[in-house]
Amino acid sequence: LAALEKSTGDVVLKFEPFVLHVLCQELQDAQLLHSVAINSGFRNSGITVGRGGKVMMAVRSTHCLEVPLTHQGKLLVSEEYIEFLVHIANGKMEEN
């Protein structure tokens, strides 16, 4: 809260979930892992193939949070709401 009072710009509270990167030997391995990840609730998971043919599987959940708190130094929300957001973000961190 003290940092928000000193802010002269825009401040956003942002939480992003972890990303687990797995290097797979074959595309089939990545597809199997992707299927398991999606079925386990990690909805933002995906597969990428690099230039050298490396197959990478990224396991990522949807537990994101992004909320503006100030605009041009003006506080947009109450202290009570900030405490609520911190509680929500901490819960998401625990789920992470």
C-alpha atoms as a PDB file:
ATOM      1  CA  LEU A   1       0.000   0.000   0.000  1.00  0.00           C
ATOM      2  CA  ALA A   2       2.871   2.366   0.744  1.00  0.00           C
ATOM      3  CA  ALA A   3       4.303   1.707  -2.722  1.00  0.00           C
ATOM      4  CA  LEU A   4       0.924   2.460  -4.318  1.00  0.00           C
ATOM      5  CA  GLU A   5       0.804   5.838  -2.563  1.00  0.00           C
ATOM      6  CA  LYS A   6       4.162   6.761  -4.115  1.00  0.00           C
ATOM      7  CA  SER A   7       3.202   5.606  -7.599  1.00  0.00           C
ATOM      8  CA  THR A   8       2.834   8.197 -10.342  1.00  0.00           C
ATOM      9  CA  GLY A   9       2.008   5.748 -13.121  1.00  0.00           C
ATOM     10  CA  ASP A  10      -0.098   2.676 -13.682  1.00  0.00           C
ATOM     11  CA  VAL A  11       0.158  -0.267 -11.269  1.00  0.00           C
ATOM     12  CA  VAL A  12      -1.260  -3.718 -11.993  1.00  0.00           C
ATOM     13  CA  LEU A  13      -1.420  -6.693  -9.632  1.00  0.00           C
ATOM     14  CA  LYS A  14      -0.497  -9.671 -11.787  1.00  0.00           C
ATOM     15  CA  PHE A  15      -0.238 -13.372 -10.998  1.00  0.00           C
ATOM     16  CA  GLU A  16       0.798 -15.967 -13.553  1.00  0.00           C
ATOM     17  CA  PRO A  17       0.967 -19.710 -12.931  1.00  0.00           C
ATOM     18  CA  PHE A  18       4.102 -21.790 -13.205  1.00  0.00           C
ATOM     19  CA  VAL A  19       5.060 -23.340 -16.534  1.00  0.00           C
ATOM     20  CA  LEU A  20       6.628 -26.789 -16.591  1.00  0.00           C
ATOM     21  CA  HIS A  21       8.689 -27.357 -19.750  1.00  0.00           C
ATOM     22  CA  VAL A  22       9.362 -30.968 -20.720  1.00  0.00           C
ATOM     23  CA  LEU A  23      11.733 -31.889 -23.553  1.00  0.00           C
ATOM     24  CA  CYS A  24      10.226 -34.941 -25.280  1.00  0.00           C
ATOM     25  CA  GLN A  25      12.095 -37.472 -27.387  1.00  0.00           C
ATOM     26  CA  GLU A  26       9.255 -37.912 -29.889  1.00  0.00           C
ATOM     27  CA  LEU A  27       6.184 -35.948 -30.949  1.00  0.00           C
ATOM     28  CA  GLN A  28       4.047 -38.894 -29.805  1.00  0.00           C
ATOM     29  CA  ASP A  29       5.434 -38.504 -26.270  1.00  0.00           C
ATOM     30  CA  ALA A  30       4.536 -34.813 -26.268  1.00  0.00           C
ATOM     31  CA  GLN A  31       1.026 -35.558 -27.569  1.00  0.00           C
ATOM     32  CA  LEU A  32       0.455 -38.108 -24.815  1.00  0.00           C
ATOM     33  CA  LEU A  33       1.730 -35.712 -22.134  1.00  0.00           C
ATOM     34  CA  HIS A  34      -0.392 -32.907 -23.618  1.00  0.00           C
ATOM     35  CA  SER A  35      -3.501 -35.090 -23.435  1.00  0.00           C
ATOM     36  CA  VAL A  36      -2.786 -35.963 -19.803  1.00  0.00           C
ATOM     37  CA  ALA A  37      -2.139 -32.306 -18.921  1.00  0.00           C
ATOM     38  CA  ILE A  38      -5.367 -31.090 -20.552  1.00  0.00           C
ATOM     39  CA  ASN A  39      -7.410 -33.840 -18.894  1.00  0.00           C
ATOM     40  CA  SER A  40      -5.830 -32.922 -15.534  1.00  0.00           C
ATOM     41  CA  GLY A  41      -7.002 -29.311 -15.791  1.00  0.00           C
ATOM     42  CA  PHE A  42      -3.900 -27.647 -17.242  1.00  0.00           C
ATOM     43  CA  ARG A  43      -5.879 -26.002 -20.039  1.00  0.00           C
ATOM     44  CA  ASN A  44      -3.165 -23.632 -21.337  1.00  0.00           C
ATOM     45  CA  SER A  45      -0.695 -26.417 -22.136  1.00  0.00           C
ATOM     46  CA  GLY A  46       0.869 -26.767 -25.554  1.00  0.00           C
ATOM     47  CA  ILE A  47       3.499 -28.339 -27.802  1.00  0.00           C
ATOM     48  CA  THR A  48       6.208 -26.558 -29.783  1.00  0.00           C
ATOM     49  CA  VAL A  49       8.759 -27.934 -32.207  1.00  0.00           C
ATOM     50  CA  GLY A  50      12.030 -26.019 -32.485  1.00  0.00           C
ATOM     51  CA  ARG A  51      14.198 -25.489 -35.554  1.00  0.00           C
ATOM     52  CA  GLY A  52      16.493 -28.346 -34.595  1.00  0.00           C
ATOM     53  CA  GLY A  53      13.541 -30.695 -34.251  1.00  0.00           C
ATOM     54  CA  LYS A  54      13.372 -30.507 -30.467  1.00  0.00           C
ATOM     55  CA  VAL A  55       9.856 -31.249 -29.220  1.00  0.00           C
ATOM     56  CA  MET A  56       8.921 -29.227 -26.132  1.00  0.00           C
ATOM     57  CA  MET A  57       5.770 -29.711 -24.083  1.00  0.00           C
ATOM     58  CA  ALA A  58       4.669 -26.850 -21.805  1.00  0.00           C
ATOM     59  CA  VAL A  59       2.294 -27.661 -18.947  1.00  0.00           C
ATOM     60  CA  ARG A  60       0.464 -24.541 -17.783  1.00  0.00           C
ATOM     61  CA  SER A  61      -2.751 -23.921 -15.845  1.00  0.00           C
ATOM     62  CA  THR A  62      -5.315 -21.151 -16.220  1.00  0.00           C
ATOM     63  CA  HIS A  63      -4.819 -19.676 -12.731  1.00  0.00           C
ATOM     64  CA  CYS A  64      -4.080 -16.135 -13.927  1.00  0.00           C
ATOM     65  CA  LEU A  65      -5.007 -12.828 -12.335  1.00  0.00           C
ATOM     66  CA  GLU A  66      -4.423  -9.314 -13.663  1.00  0.00           C
ATOM     67  CA  VAL A  67      -6.086  -6.312 -12.011  1.00  0.00           C
ATOM     68  CA  PRO A  68      -5.284  -2.593 -12.432  1.00  0.00           C
ATOM     69  CA  LEU A  69      -4.823  -0.831  -9.086  1.00  0.00           C
ATOM     70  CA  THR A  70      -3.768   2.696 -10.079  1.00  0.00           C
ATOM     71  CA  HIS A  71      -3.944   4.841 -13.202  1.00  0.00           C
ATOM     72  CA  GLN A  72      -1.604   7.816 -13.570  1.00  0.00           C
ATOM     73  CA  GLY A  73      -0.927   7.665  -9.842  1.00  0.00           C
ATOM     74  CA  LYS A  74      -4.608   7.640  -8.821  1.00  0.00           C
ATOM     75  CA  LEU A  75      -5.693   4.688  -6.672  1.00  0.00           C
ATOM     76  CA  LEU A  76      -8.668   3.001  -8.356  1.00  0.00           C
ATOM     77  CA  VAL A  77      -9.677   0.535  -5.625  1.00  0.00           C
ATOM     78  CA  SER A  78     -10.083   0.454  -1.845  1.00  0.00           C
ATOM     79  CA  GLU A  79      -7.580  -0.961   0.639  1.00  0.00           C
ATOM     80  CA  GLU A  80     -10.173  -3.628   1.483  1.00  0.00           C
ATOM     81  CA  TYR A  81     -10.331  -4.697  -2.179  1.00  0.00           C
ATOM     82  CA  ILE A  82      -6.519  -4.895  -2.386  1.00  0.00           C
ATOM     83  CA  GLU A  83      -6.499  -7.164   0.668  1.00  0.00           C
ATOM     84  CA  PHE A  84      -9.166  -9.316  -1.034  1.00  0.00           C
ATOM     85  CA  LEU A  85      -7.046  -9.533  -4.218  1.00  0.00           C
ATOM     86  CA  VAL A  86      -3.963 -10.532  -2.239  1.00  0.00           C
ATOM     87  CA  HIS A  87      -6.010 -13.292  -0.574  1.00  0.00           C
ATOM     88  CA  ILE A  88      -7.176 -14.533  -3.997  1.00  0.00           C
ATOM     89  CA  ALA A  89      -3.642 -14.380  -5.433  1.00  0.00           C
ATOM     90  CA  ASN A  90      -2.231 -16.278  -2.466  1.00  0.00           C
ATOM     91  CA  GLY A  91      -4.903 -18.950  -2.956  1.00  0.00           C
ATOM     92  CA  LYS A  92      -3.894 -19.281  -6.604  1.00  0.00           C
ATOM     93  CA  MET A  93      -0.261 -19.593  -5.526  1.00  0.00           C
ATOM     94  CA  GLU A  94      -1.216 -22.440  -3.195  1.00  0.00           C
ATOM     95  CA  GLU A  95      -3.090 -24.195  -6.031  1.00  0.00           C
ATOM     96  CA  ASN A  96      -0.023 -23.702  -8.195  1.00  0.00           C
END
